[in-house]
Structures are given as C-alpha cells and as structure tokens.
Protein backbone atom coordinates (compact mmCIF):
# COMPACT_ATOMS: atom_id res chain seq x y z
CA ASP A 1 -4.86 3.19 -8.56
CA CYS A 2 -5.78 5.95 -6.12
CA ASP A 3 -4.85 3.72 -3.17
CA GLY A 4 -1.55 2.87 -4.88
CA SER A 5 -0.62 6.52 -5.27
CA ILE A 6 -1.40 7.41 -1.66
CA LEU A 7 0.68 4.46 -0.46
CA LEU A 8 3.63 5.60 -2.55
CA VAL A 9 3.38 9.07 -1.07
CA HIS A 10 3.50 7.71 2.47
CA THR A 11 6.10 4.99 1.90
CA PRO A 12 7.74 4.39 -1.50
CA THR A 13 9.22 1.09 -0.30
CA PHE A 14 5.81 -0.09 0.89
CA ALA A 15 4.74 -0.49 -2.76
CA GLY A 16 6.94 -3.57 -3.04
CA GLU A 17 6.20 -4.79 0.48
CA LYS A 18 2.42 -4.69 0.05
CA ASN A 19 2.77 -7.59 -2.40
CA ALA A 20 4.38 -9.82 0.22
CA ASP A 21 2.76 -8.21 3.25
CA PRO A 22 -0.51 -9.96 4.27
CA ASN A 23 -1.44 -6.76 6.08
CA ALA A 24 -1.81 -5.12 2.65
CA ASN A 25 -5.52 -5.98 2.75
CA SER A 26 -5.99 -3.63 5.70
CA VAL A 27 -4.09 -0.86 3.95
CA ARG A 28 -6.17 -1.20 0.77
CA GLY A 29 -9.30 -0.81 2.87
CA PHE A 30 -7.85 2.36 4.35
CA GLU A 31 -8.52 4.26 1.11
C-alpha cells in the first residue's frame, strides 16, 4: 500500500486510527 506507507511516515499511530476514523476516506484520497 503506497498510501499506507505515506500515512505511517506522517503519523505511525494514525495507522490504527484510520480503521476507526471515518475521515480515513479523505486521507486515502489524498494519495
């Protein structure tokens, strides 16, 4: 996952939050 790697670089904890965070959809579109 290219988007997964970039997210980890920015915020390691976000990886777990994106699963519960409804805003994750917006982040995925960011890539």
